[in-house]
Amino acid sequence: MRDELAKMDCLTPGDFATVKRQCVLLGETLTPDEFLAQLRQEHAVKPDVRQHRPLGFLQ
């Protein structure tokens, strides 16, 4: 699981908060694997991930 999180280099604390908020709103309890799947979805919709652009200082 740690390796998978490391691959999602554009994750922010806000992504974790978004997944947690969705759980609360829907009244769901996610397993760690389900939470990770939700984080993957949050990560996939980020423009920087879709376009595979490096950060400014890494260009």
N, C-alpha and C. Protein backbone atom coordinates (compact mmCIF):
# COMPACT_ATOMS: atom_id res chain seq x y z
N MET A 1 0.82 -1.18 0.00
CA MET A 1 0.00 0.00 0.00
C MET A 1 0.87 1.26 0.00
N ARG A 2 1.96 1.23 0.75
CA ARG A 2 2.84 2.39 0.82
C ARG A 2 3.45 2.70 -0.55
N ASP A 3 3.83 1.65 -1.28
CA ASP A 3 4.40 1.85 -2.62
C ASP A 3 3.39 2.50 -3.55
N GLU A 4 2.16 2.06 -3.43
CA GLU A 4 1.11 2.60 -4.28
C GLU A 4 0.87 4.09 -3.98
N LEU A 5 0.88 4.45 -2.72
CA LEU A 5 0.73 5.85 -2.33
C LEU A 5 1.90 6.69 -2.86
N ALA A 6 3.09 6.14 -2.80
CA ALA A 6 4.27 6.85 -3.28
C ALA A 6 4.19 7.15 -4.77
N LYS A 7 3.55 6.29 -5.53
CA LYS A 7 3.40 6.49 -6.98
C LYS A 7 2.46 7.65 -7.30
N MET A 8 1.57 7.97 -6.37
CA MET A 8 0.61 9.06 -6.59
C MET A 8 1.22 10.35 -6.06
N ASP A 9 2.18 10.89 -6.83
CA ASP A 9 2.98 12.02 -6.36
C ASP A 9 2.24 13.35 -6.30
N CYS A 10 1.04 13.43 -6.81
CA CYS A 10 0.30 14.68 -6.77
C CYS A 10 -0.77 14.70 -5.68
N LEU A 11 -0.78 13.70 -4.81
CA LEU A 11 -1.76 13.69 -3.72
C LEU A 11 -1.47 14.80 -2.73
N THR A 12 -2.52 15.36 -2.18
CA THR A 12 -2.41 16.39 -1.15
C THR A 12 -3.25 15.97 0.04
N PRO A 13 -3.06 16.62 1.17
CA PRO A 13 -3.93 16.33 2.32
C PRO A 13 -5.41 16.54 1.97
N GLY A 14 -5.68 17.46 1.07
CA GLY A 14 -7.05 17.71 0.65
C GLY A 14 -7.69 16.50 -0.04
N ASP A 15 -6.90 15.70 -0.72
CA ASP A 15 -7.43 14.50 -1.37
C ASP A 15 -7.90 13.49 -0.33
N PHE A 16 -7.12 13.34 0.73
CA PHE A 16 -7.51 12.45 1.82
C PHE A 16 -8.79 12.97 2.48
N ALA A 17 -8.84 14.30 2.67
CA ALA A 17 -10.02 14.91 3.29
C ALA A 17 -11.25 14.73 2.42
N THR A 18 -11.10 14.83 1.11
CA THR A 18 -12.22 14.65 0.19
C THR A 18 -12.78 13.24 0.29
N VAL A 19 -11.91 12.25 0.30
CA VAL A 19 -12.36 10.86 0.41
C VAL A 19 -13.07 10.65 1.75
N LYS A 20 -12.49 11.18 2.81
CA LYS A 20 -13.10 11.04 4.13
C LYS A 20 -14.47 11.72 4.17
N ARG A 21 -14.57 12.91 3.60
CA ARG A 21 -15.85 13.64 3.56
C ARG A 21 -16.90 12.85 2.79
N GLN A 22 -16.51 12.25 1.68
CA GLN A 22 -17.44 11.43 0.90
C GLN A 22 -17.95 10.26 1.73
N CYS A 23 -17.07 9.64 2.50
CA CYS A 23 -17.47 8.52 3.37
C CYS A 23 -18.50 8.98 4.39
N VAL A 24 -18.23 10.11 5.00
CA VAL A 24 -19.14 10.63 6.02
C VAL A 24 -20.50 10.96 5.41
N LEU A 25 -20.48 11.66 4.27
CA LEU A 25 -21.74 12.04 3.63
C LEU A 25 -22.58 10.84 3.20
N LEU A 26 -21.90 9.80 2.73
CA LEU A 26 -22.61 8.61 2.27
C LEU A 26 -22.84 7.60 3.39
N GLY A 27 -22.29 7.86 4.56
CA GLY A 27 -22.45 6.94 5.69
C GLY A 27 -21.76 5.61 5.46
N GLU A 28 -20.64 5.64 4.75
CA GLU A 28 -19.91 4.42 4.43
C GLU A 28 -18.66 4.30 5.29
N THR A 29 -18.25 3.09 5.51
CA THR A 29 -16.97 2.80 6.14
C THR A 29 -16.16 2.02 5.12
N LEU A 30 -15.02 2.56 4.74
CA LEU A 30 -14.20 1.92 3.73
C LEU A 30 -13.07 1.12 4.36
N THR A 31 -12.76 0.00 3.74
CA THR A 31 -11.57 -0.74 4.12
C THR A 31 -10.36 0.05 3.62
N PRO A 32 -9.17 -0.24 4.11
CA PRO A 32 -7.99 0.45 3.59
C PRO A 32 -7.84 0.33 2.07
N ASP A 33 -8.14 -0.84 1.52
CA ASP A 33 -8.04 -1.01 0.06
C ASP A 33 -9.08 -0.16 -0.67
N GLU A 34 -10.27 -0.06 -0.12
CA GLU A 34 -11.31 0.78 -0.74
C GLU A 34 -10.94 2.25 -0.64
N PHE A 35 -10.37 2.65 0.49
CA PHE A 35 -9.93 4.04 0.65
C PHE A 35 -8.84 4.35 -0.37
N LEU A 36 -7.91 3.43 -0.55
CA LEU A 36 -6.84 3.61 -1.53
C LEU A 36 -7.41 3.71 -2.95
N ALA A 37 -8.42 2.92 -3.26
CA ALA A 37 -9.06 3.00 -4.58
C ALA A 37 -9.70 4.37 -4.80
N GLN A 38 -10.31 4.92 -3.75
CA GLN A 38 -10.91 6.26 -3.85
C GLN A 38 -9.82 7.31 -4.05
N LEU A 39 -8.69 7.16 -3.36
CA LEU A 39 -7.57 8.08 -3.56
C LEU A 39 -7.05 8.00 -4.98
N ARG A 40 -6.99 6.79 -5.53
CA ARG A 40 -6.57 6.63 -6.93
C ARG A 40 -7.47 7.42 -7.86
N GLN A 41 -8.77 7.38 -7.60
CA GLN A 41 -9.72 8.13 -8.43
C GLN A 41 -9.50 9.63 -8.30
N GLU A 42 -9.29 10.11 -7.08
CA GLU A 42 -9.01 11.53 -6.87
C GLU A 42 -7.73 11.93 -7.60
N HIS A 43 -6.73 11.09 -7.53
CA HIS A 43 -5.45 11.35 -8.18
C HIS A 43 -5.60 11.39 -9.71
N ALA A 44 -6.39 10.49 -10.24
CA ALA A 44 -6.52 10.36 -11.70
C ALA A 44 -7.18 11.57 -12.35
N VAL A 45 -7.98 12.32 -11.62
CA VAL A 45 -8.69 13.45 -12.24
C VAL A 45 -7.90 14.75 -12.16
N LYS A 46 -6.76 14.74 -11.55
CA LYS A 46 -5.95 15.95 -11.46
C LYS A 46 -5.35 16.28 -12.82
N PRO A 47 -5.44 17.54 -13.22
CA PRO A 47 -4.90 17.93 -14.54
C PRO A 47 -3.42 17.60 -14.69
N ASP A 48 -2.62 17.82 -13.64
CA ASP A 48 -1.18 17.54 -13.75
C ASP A 48 -0.90 16.06 -13.98
N VAL A 49 -1.74 15.20 -13.44
CA VAL A 49 -1.56 13.76 -13.63
C VAL A 49 -1.98 13.37 -15.04
N ARG A 50 -3.10 13.90 -15.48
CA ARG A 50 -3.59 13.56 -16.83
C ARG A 50 -2.62 14.01 -17.90
N GLN A 51 -1.96 15.16 -17.69
CA GLN A 51 -1.05 15.68 -18.70
C GLN A 51 0.41 15.29 -18.44
N HIS A 52 0.66 14.64 -17.30
CA HIS A 52 2.01 14.18 -16.92
C HIS A 52 3.03 15.31 -17.00
N ARG A 53 2.67 16.47 -16.43
CA ARG A 53 3.59 17.59 -16.41
C ARG A 53 4.40 17.56 -15.12
N PRO A 54 5.71 17.74 -15.21
CA PRO A 54 6.52 17.82 -13.99
C PRO A 54 6.28 19.16 -13.30
N LEU A 55 6.61 19.22 -12.02
CA LEU A 55 6.52 20.49 -11.31
C LEU A 55 7.51 21.48 -11.89
N GLY A 56 7.24 22.75 -11.72
CA GLY A 56 8.06 23.80 -12.31
C GLY A 56 9.55 23.67 -12.07
N PHE A 57 9.95 23.40 -10.85
CA PHE A 57 11.38 23.34 -10.56
C PHE A 57 12.02 22.04 -11.03
N LEU A 58 11.22 21.10 -11.53
CA LEU A 58 11.76 19.83 -12.02
C LEU A 58 11.83 19.78 -13.55
N GLN A 59 11.41 20.84 -14.19
CA GLN A 59 11.37 20.83 -15.67
C GLN A 59 12.75 20.89 -16.26
